[in-house]
Amino acid sequence: MLTIDTRSVAHDSPTAHVRQTLPLWIHAFLAALTGLALRLFLVLHFPAEADDAVIYEELARNWANAHIYGLTRGLTRAGNVVPSDMRVPGYPAFLAVLYQSIGRGQGAIMLAQAGVDLVTCFLVAWLASRLVPDGPQRRRVWLAALWLAATCPFVANYAAVPLTEVLATFLTAAALIPLAGGCTAIGNSLTEGSILPGKSFTGGLLAGLGTLVRPETPLLLISLAAVLTVRWRRPEHWGKLARAGAIAGFGMLLPLLPWGARNWETLHEAQFLAPRYATMAGEYAPRGFYAWTATWLVRYREVYLVPWKIDSETVPISDLPSSAFDSPEERARTAALMDRYNETVTMTPEIDGEFREIARERTARHPLRTYLYVPLERAATLWLTPRVDLLPFSGHLWPLRQQWRRDPVDVTVTIFLGALNFFYIGLVAVGVWRFLRHQGAEWIPLRPGVWLLIAFVLVRTAFFTTVETPEPRYVLECFPAMLALGALAWNTGRASDPRGIRAARGGS
């Protein structure tokens, strides 16, 4: 529960008495109204389409109509629905419920997602408030997080398209609240034994529900494991570590059991998540080709030019950047493979195997490129983009004068959104720095919760640098953690005396 001591606010600044004239609920109402207006604006003016949305909607329709979770794609007899585990069922279930309750129009889906995303804003505020002690600073951080989340356009934009991001971000924020609360409990020897198990189970359960929407959601528990392993690294604490891990893992497994049982019964496979390459049963996954792109593909536009064309369009060798070749001989070899692919527009196992061999040779020549430089550049792609994927803007700035002459509105929006993205990243740095400056006894137990959010951002980013298509939307689920950390920039708490610090450290 959020508790605020408004009596001490008057000591913080000369204008504190003005701030007290507005109750917290009015601030919250104004932020919610602003957030709702932003989301309705995006839904009404920038509705979007996506290839994945077609898949999710088909799964939902077949589930609602034929009571089969499956697709009609690639069948010899049209009209039959074949069971599939191509996507986890959480988001199609969300759509199916909407179909049965408020209709099947795109507008109904978008409005429902706008409402879910608005609730996420309050979850972000709650999460941020858990990172500071009780007192006036908690009120400031709560309000800052709420306004940051309500006015952030990057997740709100996805309310305007039937994709998983809004629901996944909601469940991520919900899971982080108990997990961060559990981490703060380990700083207090009087509570860690009784509070942490319950919070671990709740966080694990919510992470399990999130896994039914996005299969990489268990990264939350990997981040928790990293923080707890550092905190309980000594052998005498390994029992606590094992217990917390087992409880969180059990909580996550519970929602996945029905999905796993269905896959075992229907598809005769032990699958609790989804296929690594989102393939239907019997479809070939070009792992060798993806291993080759992992040695050079770093930009989002390259995803459109190469991986997303496989098995549907030709790929001209001219579309490949110079970084895809180490020599003229390698370019000629790759061109010959592309010509063979383009003849049938099919990535056969033979062609795929030859791409795998090129990938092996390139990695042997420059291992740091494959395992360090390319992932770092992909991380930059994930985080340092203007995020205009769903908007009718190109996102291109260079050459600047030429782009400005062509479309000044496009350039202006791109620069604004790019600057806003950098603003959020900078705000996180300021918030974490301000938090870590405080050395008061009341702040020390809260640090593991902050480190959990930092670990989650780093772990999720590192994971998606290994995925064949580095799409910036994959890190949107980090924004609840990012905005909560950024809200700490409004924290103005004061350190306690050194004796309290030593006492807290001795008891942790």
Protein backbone atom coordinates (compact mmCIF):
# COMPACT_ATOMS: atom_id res chain seq x y z
CA MET A 1 0.00 0.00 0.00
CA LEU A 2 1.23 3.49 -0.81
CA THR A 3 1.64 5.56 2.37
CA ILE A 4 2.56 9.23 2.19
CA ASP A 5 3.52 11.53 5.02
CA THR A 6 2.44 14.91 3.64
CA ARG A 7 3.27 16.68 6.91
CA SER A 8 6.98 16.58 6.14
CA VAL A 9 6.62 17.86 2.59
CA ALA A 10 6.69 21.45 3.81
CA HIS A 11 10.34 21.09 4.77
CA ASP A 12 11.44 20.12 1.25
CA SER A 13 11.00 23.35 -0.66
CA PRO A 14 9.37 26.80 -0.42
CA THR A 15 6.62 25.71 -2.82
CA ALA A 16 5.70 22.56 -0.94
CA HIS A 17 2.56 24.13 0.54
CA VAL A 18 1.30 24.74 -3.01
CA ARG A 19 1.80 21.12 -3.93
CA GLN A 20 -0.16 20.04 -0.86
CA THR A 21 -3.22 21.90 -2.09
CA LEU A 22 -3.70 19.23 -4.77
CA PRO A 23 -4.60 15.84 -3.28
CA LEU A 24 -2.91 12.78 -4.65
CA TRP A 25 -6.08 11.53 -6.30
CA ILE A 26 -6.35 14.70 -8.40
CA HIS A 27 -2.78 14.24 -9.62
CA ALA A 28 -3.61 10.63 -10.44
CA PHE A 29 -6.82 11.61 -12.23
CA LEU A 30 -5.06 14.22 -14.38
CA ALA A 31 -2.30 11.76 -15.29
CA ALA A 32 -4.85 9.07 -16.16
CA LEU A 33 -6.84 11.55 -18.28
CA THR A 34 -3.70 12.59 -20.13
CA GLY A 35 -2.66 8.97 -20.66
CA LEU A 36 -6.10 8.04 -21.95
CA ALA A 37 -6.11 10.99 -24.36
CA LEU A 38 -2.70 9.97 -25.74
CA ARG A 39 -3.79 6.37 -26.29
CA LEU A 40 -7.09 7.32 -27.89
CA PHE A 41 -5.23 9.72 -30.18
CA LEU A 42 -2.88 6.94 -31.29
CA VAL A 43 -5.71 4.44 -31.73
CA LEU A 44 -7.86 6.82 -33.75
CA HIS A 45 -5.17 8.39 -35.91
CA PHE A 46 -2.49 5.69 -36.23
CA PRO A 47 -4.11 2.25 -36.31
CA ALA A 48 -1.56 -0.22 -37.61
CA GLU A 49 -1.29 -3.65 -39.19
CA ALA A 50 1.35 -6.35 -38.70
CA ASP A 51 1.97 -9.82 -40.10
CA ASP A 52 2.01 -11.38 -36.63
CA ALA A 53 -1.37 -9.79 -35.90
CA VAL A 54 -2.91 -11.90 -38.68
CA ILE A 55 -1.61 -15.05 -37.00
CA TYR A 56 -2.90 -14.08 -33.55
CA GLU A 57 -6.31 -13.15 -34.89
CA GLU A 58 -6.61 -16.40 -36.85
CA LEU A 59 -5.69 -18.43 -33.77
CA ALA A 60 -8.29 -16.54 -31.74
CA ARG A 61 -11.03 -16.98 -34.36
CA ASN A 62 -10.37 -20.70 -34.78
CA TRP A 63 -10.32 -21.16 -31.02
CA ALA A 64 -13.61 -19.29 -30.61
CA ASN A 65 -15.38 -20.82 -33.63
CA ALA A 66 -13.97 -24.32 -34.11
CA HIS A 67 -12.75 -24.77 -30.51
CA ILE A 68 -9.34 -25.73 -31.92
CA TYR A 69 -6.21 -23.79 -31.17
CA GLY A 70 -4.66 -23.93 -34.60
CA LEU A 71 -4.17 -22.49 -38.07
CA THR A 72 -5.42 -23.26 -41.57
CA ARG A 73 -2.12 -22.36 -43.25
CA GLY A 74 -0.17 -24.71 -45.46
CA LEU A 75 -2.88 -27.38 -45.65
CA THR A 76 -3.74 -29.53 -48.62
CA ARG A 77 -7.45 -29.30 -47.86
CA ALA A 78 -8.59 -25.74 -47.32
CA GLY A 79 -10.89 -25.13 -44.41
CA ASN A 80 -9.41 -27.63 -41.98
CA VAL A 81 -7.88 -26.25 -38.80
CA VAL A 82 -4.66 -27.94 -37.74
CA PRO A 83 -3.65 -27.70 -34.05
CA SER A 84 -0.51 -25.64 -33.58
CA ASP A 85 1.92 -24.51 -30.91
CA MET A 86 3.40 -21.84 -33.19
CA ARG A 87 2.42 -19.13 -30.66
CA VAL A 88 1.75 -19.37 -26.95
CA PRO A 89 -1.98 -19.03 -26.24
CA GLY A 90 -2.17 -16.05 -23.89
CA TYR A 91 -2.77 -13.28 -26.41
CA PRO A 92 -5.10 -15.31 -28.67
CA ALA A 93 -7.09 -16.12 -25.50
CA PHE A 94 -7.27 -12.39 -24.75
CA LEU A 95 -8.57 -11.75 -28.27
CA ALA A 96 -11.04 -14.63 -28.06
CA VAL A 97 -12.50 -13.22 -24.85
CA LEU A 98 -12.88 -9.83 -26.54
CA TYR A 99 -14.55 -11.47 -29.54
CA GLN A 100 -17.09 -13.18 -27.30
CA SER A 101 -17.76 -10.16 -25.08
CA ILE A 102 -17.48 -6.89 -27.04
CA GLY A 103 -17.20 -7.92 -30.70
CA ARG A 104 -14.59 -8.68 -33.31
CA GLY A 105 -13.84 -5.24 -34.68
CA GLN A 106 -10.32 -3.83 -34.62
CA GLY A 107 -11.65 -0.84 -32.71
CA ALA A 108 -12.81 -2.97 -29.79
CA ILE A 109 -9.39 -4.65 -29.55
CA MET A 110 -7.56 -1.35 -29.64
CA LEU A 111 -9.77 0.30 -27.02
CA ALA A 112 -9.38 -2.70 -24.72
CA GLN A 113 -5.61 -2.55 -25.12
CA ALA A 114 -5.64 1.18 -24.42
CA GLY A 115 -7.41 0.42 -21.14
CA VAL A 116 -4.92 -2.31 -20.23
CA ASP A 117 -2.00 -0.02 -20.97
CA LEU A 118 -3.52 2.71 -18.80
CA VAL A 119 -3.68 0.27 -15.89
CA THR A 120 -0.02 -0.56 -16.56
CA CYS A 121 0.81 3.10 -15.86
CA PHE A 122 -0.47 2.71 -12.30
CA LEU A 123 1.46 -0.54 -11.91
CA VAL A 124 4.63 1.30 -12.94
CA ALA A 125 3.90 3.96 -10.31
CA TRP A 126 3.36 1.26 -7.70
CA LEU A 127 6.59 -0.44 -8.71
CA ALA A 128 8.56 2.82 -8.47
CA SER A 129 7.11 3.60 -5.04
CA ARG A 130 8.44 0.26 -3.77
CA LEU A 131 11.98 1.44 -4.49
CA VAL A 132 12.02 4.24 -1.90
CA PRO A 133 11.21 4.38 1.83
CA ASP A 134 7.95 5.75 3.21
CA GLY A 135 7.75 9.51 3.31
CA PRO A 136 7.37 12.50 0.99
CA GLN A 137 9.92 11.11 -1.45
CA ARG A 138 7.63 8.14 -2.05
CA ARG A 139 4.84 10.50 -3.11
CA ARG A 140 7.12 12.33 -5.53
CA VAL A 141 8.47 9.12 -7.05
CA TRP A 142 4.98 7.63 -7.38
CA LEU A 143 3.68 10.70 -9.18
CA ALA A 144 6.77 10.98 -11.39
CA ALA A 145 6.48 7.34 -12.45
CA LEU A 146 2.76 7.71 -13.16
CA TRP A 147 3.26 10.76 -15.36
CA LEU A 148 6.24 9.21 -17.14
CA ALA A 149 4.26 6.07 -17.92
CA ALA A 150 1.08 7.91 -18.89
CA THR A 151 2.87 10.17 -21.37
CA CYS A 152 5.29 7.59 -22.82
CA PRO A 153 4.20 6.99 -26.43
CA PHE A 154 6.32 3.93 -27.14
CA VAL A 155 4.20 1.23 -25.46
CA ALA A 156 1.00 3.27 -25.87
CA ASN A 157 1.54 3.14 -29.63
CA TYR A 158 1.10 -0.64 -29.56
CA ALA A 159 -2.45 -0.27 -28.29
CA ALA A 160 -3.25 0.51 -31.93
CA VAL A 161 -2.28 -2.91 -33.29
CA PRO A 162 -3.25 -6.50 -32.34
CA LEU A 163 0.15 -7.56 -31.01
CA THR A 164 1.31 -8.91 -27.66
CA GLU A 165 3.29 -5.89 -26.44
CA VAL A 166 0.59 -4.14 -24.38
CA LEU A 167 -0.57 -7.28 -22.55
CA ALA A 168 2.99 -8.55 -22.09
CA THR A 169 4.11 -5.21 -20.64
CA PHE A 170 1.15 -5.21 -18.25
CA LEU A 171 2.01 -8.68 -16.93
CA THR A 172 5.72 -7.81 -16.74
CA ALA A 173 4.97 -4.76 -14.59
CA ALA A 174 2.62 -6.83 -12.43
CA ALA A 175 5.29 -9.53 -11.89
CA LEU A 176 8.04 -7.02 -11.11
CA ILE A 177 6.08 -5.55 -8.19
CA PRO A 178 6.18 -8.66 -5.93
CA LEU A 179 9.61 -9.69 -7.20
CA ALA A 180 11.10 -6.27 -6.39
CA GLY A 181 9.29 -6.34 -3.04
CA GLY A 182 10.79 -9.74 -2.31
CA CYS A 183 14.25 -8.46 -3.19
CA THR A 184 13.91 -5.58 -0.74
CA ALA A 185 12.93 -8.08 1.93
CA ILE A 186 16.30 -9.80 1.72
CA GLY A 187 17.91 -6.64 3.08
CA ASN A 188 16.10 -7.14 6.38
CA SER A 189 16.99 -10.27 8.32
CA LEU A 190 13.74 -10.01 10.31
CA THR A 191 11.49 -10.34 7.27
CA GLU A 192 13.34 -12.19 4.54
CA GLY A 193 12.43 -15.62 5.82
CA SER A 194 8.69 -14.96 5.94
CA ILE A 195 8.01 -12.41 3.19
CA LEU A 196 10.24 -13.51 0.34
CA PRO A 197 8.64 -16.95 -0.34
CA GLY A 198 5.17 -15.47 -0.76
CA LYS A 199 6.40 -12.71 -3.04
CA SER A 200 8.51 -15.16 -5.01
CA PHE A 201 5.48 -17.37 -5.62
CA THR A 202 3.27 -14.44 -6.65
CA GLY A 203 5.95 -13.04 -8.93
CA GLY A 204 6.56 -16.46 -10.43
CA LEU A 205 2.83 -16.99 -11.00
CA LEU A 206 2.52 -13.65 -12.80
CA ALA A 207 5.65 -14.43 -14.80
CA GLY A 208 4.03 -17.72 -15.81
CA LEU A 209 0.95 -15.88 -17.04
CA GLY A 210 3.26 -13.52 -18.91
CA THR A 211 5.01 -16.51 -20.48
CA LEU A 212 1.68 -17.52 -22.02
CA VAL A 213 1.77 -14.16 -23.82
CA ARG A 214 5.49 -13.83 -24.62
CA PRO A 215 7.60 -17.00 -24.26
CA GLU A 216 10.73 -15.10 -23.16
CA THR A 217 9.07 -13.80 -19.96
CA PRO A 218 11.03 -16.32 -17.78
CA LEU A 219 13.91 -13.87 -18.22
CA LEU A 220 12.29 -12.14 -15.23
CA LEU A 221 13.16 -15.09 -13.03
CA ILE A 222 16.65 -15.34 -14.52
CA SER A 223 17.16 -11.73 -13.48
CA LEU A 224 15.83 -12.54 -10.00
CA ALA A 225 18.20 -15.50 -9.79
CA ALA A 226 21.16 -13.27 -10.68
CA VAL A 227 20.33 -10.78 -7.91
CA LEU A 228 19.65 -13.44 -5.28
CA THR A 229 22.78 -15.38 -6.23
CA VAL A 230 24.92 -12.31 -5.58
CA ARG A 231 23.10 -11.58 -2.33
CA TRP A 232 23.17 -15.19 -1.10
CA ARG A 233 26.47 -16.26 -2.61
CA ARG A 234 27.85 -17.63 0.66
CA PRO A 235 27.34 -21.36 1.30
CA GLU A 236 25.32 -20.77 4.47
CA HIS A 237 22.68 -18.95 2.37
CA TRP A 238 22.40 -21.51 -0.42
CA GLY A 239 19.37 -23.08 1.23
CA LYS A 240 17.52 -19.74 1.02
CA LEU A 241 18.56 -19.39 -2.59
CA ALA A 242 17.31 -22.85 -3.51
CA ARG A 243 14.04 -22.34 -1.65
CA ALA A 244 13.31 -18.97 -3.27
CA GLY A 245 14.18 -20.35 -6.72
CA ALA A 246 12.02 -23.43 -6.27
CA ILE A 247 9.03 -21.39 -5.07
CA ALA A 248 9.29 -18.86 -7.92
CA GLY A 249 9.81 -21.65 -10.46
CA PHE A 250 6.80 -23.57 -9.14
CA GLY A 251 4.66 -20.43 -9.37
CA MET A 252 5.72 -19.90 -12.97
CA LEU A 253 5.12 -23.54 -13.91
CA LEU A 254 1.51 -23.63 -12.70
CA PRO A 255 -0.02 -21.54 -15.54
CA LEU A 256 2.11 -23.41 -18.09
CA LEU A 257 0.95 -26.88 -17.11
CA PRO A 258 -2.34 -26.83 -19.09
CA TRP A 259 -0.49 -25.58 -22.19
CA GLY A 260 2.19 -28.23 -21.84
CA ALA A 261 -0.42 -30.94 -21.27
CA ARG A 262 -2.34 -29.83 -24.36
CA ASN A 263 0.79 -29.99 -26.51
CA TRP A 264 1.66 -33.43 -25.19
CA GLU A 265 -1.85 -34.74 -25.77
CA THR A 266 -2.49 -33.07 -29.13
CA LEU A 267 0.93 -32.69 -30.74
CA HIS A 268 2.79 -35.44 -28.86
CA GLU A 269 5.61 -33.13 -27.81
CA ALA A 270 6.87 -31.73 -24.51
CA GLN A 271 6.47 -28.03 -25.27
CA PHE A 272 5.80 -25.51 -22.48
CA LEU A 273 6.74 -22.44 -24.50
CA ALA A 274 6.73 -22.18 -28.31
CA PRO A 275 9.07 -23.38 -31.07
CA ARG A 276 12.30 -21.40 -31.19
CA TYR A 277 11.69 -20.27 -34.78
CA ALA A 278 7.86 -20.11 -34.59
CA THR A 279 7.43 -22.95 -37.09
CA MET A 280 4.44 -25.16 -37.75
CA ALA A 281 4.81 -28.91 -37.38
CA GLY A 282 6.97 -30.24 -40.19
CA GLU A 283 8.22 -26.83 -41.33
CA TYR A 284 11.94 -26.40 -41.90
CA ALA A 285 13.78 -23.77 -39.83
CA PRO A 286 16.83 -22.32 -41.65
CA ARG A 287 19.16 -22.38 -38.67
CA GLY A 288 22.28 -22.23 -40.82
CA PHE A 289 21.02 -19.13 -42.63
CA TYR A 290 20.26 -17.44 -39.29
CA ALA A 291 23.73 -18.39 -38.03
CA TRP A 292 25.12 -16.60 -41.09
CA THR A 293 23.04 -13.44 -40.52
CA ALA A 294 24.24 -13.48 -36.91
CA THR A 295 27.72 -12.64 -38.19
CA TRP A 296 26.68 -9.32 -39.78
CA LEU A 297 23.00 -8.31 -39.39
CA VAL A 298 22.76 -5.39 -36.93
CA ARG A 299 20.21 -2.91 -38.33
CA TYR A 300 16.44 -3.12 -38.26
CA ARG A 301 16.09 -2.28 -41.96
CA GLU A 302 18.27 -5.30 -42.77
CA VAL A 303 15.62 -7.49 -41.16
CA TYR A 304 13.14 -6.34 -43.81
CA LEU A 305 15.65 -6.86 -46.62
CA VAL A 306 16.79 -10.39 -45.76
CA PRO A 307 15.33 -12.65 -43.01
CA TRP A 308 11.70 -11.61 -43.44
CA LYS A 309 11.87 -12.39 -47.18
CA ILE A 310 13.00 -15.98 -46.76
CA ASP A 311 10.56 -18.50 -48.27
CA SER A 312 8.34 -15.72 -49.63
CA GLU A 313 10.43 -13.33 -51.78
CA THR A 314 13.68 -13.21 -53.68
CA VAL A 315 16.71 -11.67 -52.00
CA PRO A 316 18.94 -9.74 -54.45
CA ILE A 317 22.61 -9.84 -53.54
CA SER A 318 22.61 -6.05 -53.91
CA ASP A 319 20.38 -5.81 -50.82
CA LEU A 320 23.14 -7.20 -48.62
CA PRO A 321 25.51 -4.76 -46.91
CA SER A 322 29.26 -4.96 -47.44
CA SER A 323 29.63 -6.27 -43.87
CA ALA A 324 28.06 -9.57 -45.03
CA PHE A 325 31.26 -10.46 -46.91
CA ASP A 326 34.89 -10.68 -45.87
CA SER A 327 36.29 -10.93 -49.40
CA PRO A 328 35.29 -10.81 -53.07
CA GLU A 329 35.48 -14.61 -53.13
CA GLU A 330 33.04 -14.87 -50.24
CA ARG A 331 30.69 -12.42 -51.92
CA ALA A 332 30.71 -14.49 -55.11
CA ARG A 333 30.07 -17.66 -53.12
CA THR A 334 27.17 -16.02 -51.27
CA ALA A 335 25.76 -14.65 -54.54
CA ALA A 336 25.75 -18.15 -56.02
CA LEU A 337 23.79 -19.43 -53.01
CA MET A 338 21.32 -16.54 -53.27
CA ASP A 339 20.82 -17.29 -56.98
CA ARG A 340 19.98 -20.90 -56.14
CA TYR A 341 17.53 -19.74 -53.47
CA ASN A 342 15.95 -17.14 -55.76
CA GLU A 343 15.19 -19.77 -58.40
CA THR A 344 12.62 -21.45 -56.14
CA VAL A 345 12.21 -18.90 -53.30
CA THR A 346 12.74 -21.82 -50.94
CA MET A 347 15.47 -22.23 -48.36
CA THR A 348 16.30 -25.90 -48.80
CA PRO A 349 18.35 -27.87 -46.27
CA GLU A 350 21.21 -28.03 -48.81
CA ILE A 351 21.40 -24.25 -49.27
CA ASP A 352 20.92 -23.74 -45.54
CA GLY A 353 23.81 -26.09 -44.82
CA GLU A 354 26.13 -24.09 -47.07
CA PHE A 355 25.14 -20.88 -45.29
CA ARG A 356 25.95 -22.63 -42.01
CA GLU A 357 29.43 -23.41 -43.34
CA ILE A 358 30.00 -19.77 -44.34
CA ALA A 359 28.85 -18.72 -40.87
CA ARG A 360 31.31 -21.15 -39.27
CA GLU A 361 34.19 -19.82 -41.37
CA ARG A 362 33.33 -16.18 -40.65
CA THR A 363 33.10 -16.86 -36.93
CA ALA A 364 36.42 -18.73 -36.95
CA ARG A 365 38.08 -15.76 -38.64
CA HIS A 366 36.55 -13.11 -36.36
CA PRO A 367 35.04 -14.64 -33.22
CA LEU A 368 34.78 -11.28 -31.46
CA ARG A 369 32.67 -9.98 -34.31
CA THR A 370 30.09 -12.73 -33.89
CA TYR A 371 30.08 -12.92 -30.10
CA LEU A 372 30.74 -9.30 -29.10
CA TYR A 373 30.63 -6.61 -31.78
CA VAL A 374 27.47 -7.74 -33.56
CA PRO A 375 25.54 -8.23 -30.27
CA LEU A 376 26.64 -4.77 -29.08
CA GLU A 377 25.49 -3.19 -32.33
CA ARG A 378 22.21 -5.08 -32.09
CA ALA A 379 21.76 -3.75 -28.55
CA ALA A 380 22.18 -0.25 -29.95
CA THR A 381 19.52 -1.04 -32.57
CA LEU A 382 17.15 -2.26 -29.87
CA TRP A 383 17.53 0.85 -27.72
CA LEU A 384 18.69 3.80 -29.81
CA THR A 385 15.99 4.00 -32.46
CA PRO A 386 13.18 6.57 -32.80
CA ARG A 387 10.60 3.73 -32.57
CA VAL A 388 8.46 4.71 -35.53
CA ASP A 389 7.76 1.10 -36.63
CA LEU A 390 3.97 1.48 -36.41
CA LEU A 391 3.82 5.12 -37.48
CA PRO A 392 3.61 6.43 -41.06
CA PHE A 393 7.14 7.85 -40.87
CA SER A 394 10.32 6.50 -42.39
CA GLY A 395 12.67 7.20 -39.48
CA HIS A 396 15.39 8.22 -41.96
CA LEU A 397 17.50 11.30 -41.23
CA TRP A 398 20.48 11.08 -43.57
CA PRO A 399 21.31 12.98 -45.61
CA LEU A 400 19.51 15.44 -43.38
CA ARG A 401 19.07 18.27 -45.89
CA GLN A 402 17.68 15.95 -48.52
CA GLN A 403 15.30 14.23 -46.07
CA TRP A 404 14.11 17.60 -44.78
CA ARG A 405 13.31 18.81 -48.28
CA ARG A 406 11.46 15.60 -49.03
CA ASP A 407 9.34 15.52 -45.85
CA PRO A 408 10.00 17.97 -42.97
CA VAL A 409 7.22 16.45 -40.85
CA ASP A 410 8.84 13.01 -41.10
CA VAL A 411 12.21 14.42 -40.03
CA THR A 412 10.68 16.43 -37.17
CA VAL A 413 8.77 13.45 -35.74
CA THR A 414 11.80 11.19 -36.10
CA ILE A 415 14.09 13.65 -34.30
CA PHE A 416 11.52 14.21 -31.54
CA LEU A 417 10.92 10.51 -30.88
CA GLY A 418 14.64 9.75 -31.10
CA ALA A 419 15.39 12.51 -28.59
CA LEU A 420 12.59 11.25 -26.34
CA ASN A 421 14.10 7.77 -26.41
CA PHE A 422 17.48 9.20 -25.35
CA PHE A 423 15.70 11.23 -22.65
CA TYR A 424 14.29 8.09 -21.04
CA ILE A 425 17.68 6.37 -21.10
CA GLY A 426 19.34 9.43 -19.58
CA LEU A 427 16.63 9.68 -16.95
CA VAL A 428 17.31 6.10 -15.90
CA ALA A 429 21.00 6.93 -15.45
CA VAL A 430 20.12 9.97 -13.31
CA GLY A 431 17.57 8.04 -11.26
CA VAL A 432 19.91 5.16 -10.50
CA TRP A 433 22.74 7.57 -9.66
CA ARG A 434 20.55 9.58 -7.29
CA PHE A 435 19.31 6.41 -5.62
CA LEU A 436 22.76 4.94 -5.12
CA ARG A 437 24.04 8.22 -3.64
CA HIS A 438 21.84 7.70 -0.62
CA GLN A 439 23.65 5.82 2.09
CA GLY A 440 20.96 6.01 4.75
CA ALA A 441 20.05 2.93 6.74
CA GLU A 442 16.49 3.01 5.43
CA TRP A 443 17.74 2.91 1.84
CA ILE A 444 20.10 -0.06 2.07
CA PRO A 445 17.42 -2.83 2.13
CA LEU A 446 15.84 -1.32 -1.00
CA ARG A 447 18.90 -1.74 -3.19
CA PRO A 448 18.26 -5.36 -4.28
CA GLY A 449 14.93 -4.24 -5.76
CA VAL A 450 16.69 -1.59 -7.85
CA TRP A 451 19.32 -4.10 -8.96
CA LEU A 452 16.55 -6.49 -10.02
CA LEU A 453 15.16 -3.90 -12.43
CA ILE A 454 18.63 -3.14 -13.78
CA ALA A 455 19.37 -6.86 -14.16
CA PHE A 456 16.10 -7.42 -16.01
CA VAL A 457 16.85 -4.68 -18.54
CA LEU A 458 20.35 -6.06 -19.13
CA VAL A 459 19.30 -9.72 -19.31
CA ARG A 460 16.43 -9.07 -21.70
CA THR A 461 18.61 -6.90 -23.92
CA ALA A 462 21.38 -9.51 -24.00
CA PHE A 463 18.89 -12.25 -24.88
CA PHE A 464 17.42 -10.38 -27.84
CA THR A 465 20.82 -9.61 -29.32
CA THR A 466 20.96 -13.36 -30.03
CA VAL A 467 17.58 -13.48 -31.81
CA GLU A 468 17.71 -13.56 -35.60
CA THR A 469 15.61 -10.39 -36.01
CA PRO A 470 16.61 -7.56 -33.64
CA GLU A 471 13.31 -5.68 -33.53
CA PRO A 472 13.19 -2.64 -31.22
CA ARG A 473 9.74 -3.68 -29.97
CA TYR A 474 11.30 -6.62 -28.15
CA VAL A 475 12.62 -4.37 -25.37
CA LEU A 476 9.34 -2.54 -24.79
CA GLU A 477 8.63 -4.96 -21.92
CA CYS A 478 11.64 -3.32 -20.20
CA PHE A 479 9.87 0.03 -20.04
CA PRO A 480 8.06 -0.60 -16.71
CA ALA A 481 11.50 -1.13 -15.15
CA MET A 482 13.02 1.77 -17.10
CA LEU A 483 10.30 4.24 -16.13
CA ALA A 484 10.35 3.14 -12.49
CA LEU A 485 14.11 3.65 -12.37
CA GLY A 486 13.77 6.99 -14.16
CA ALA A 487 11.24 8.16 -11.58
CA LEU A 488 13.99 7.89 -8.96
CA ALA A 489 15.40 11.10 -10.43
CA TRP A 490 12.65 12.84 -8.41
CA ASN A 491 13.88 11.23 -5.19
CA THR A 492 15.27 13.83 -2.79
CA GLY A 493 15.62 11.71 0.35
CA ARG A 494 18.39 12.36 2.79
CA ALA A 495 20.95 9.97 4.20
CA SER A 496 20.73 8.81 7.79
CA ASP A 497 23.55 8.98 10.29
CA PRO A 498 26.49 6.54 9.90
CA ARG A 499 25.56 4.61 13.03
CA GLY A 500 22.25 3.63 11.44
CA ILE A 501 24.09 2.63 8.29
CA ARG A 502 26.43 0.32 10.15
CA ALA A 503 23.52 -1.20 12.07
CA ALA A 504 21.58 -1.89 8.89
CA ARG A 505 24.59 -3.43 7.19
CA GLY A 506 25.28 -5.60 10.16
CA GLY A 507 21.73 -6.94 10.17
CA SER A 508 21.47 -7.65 6.47
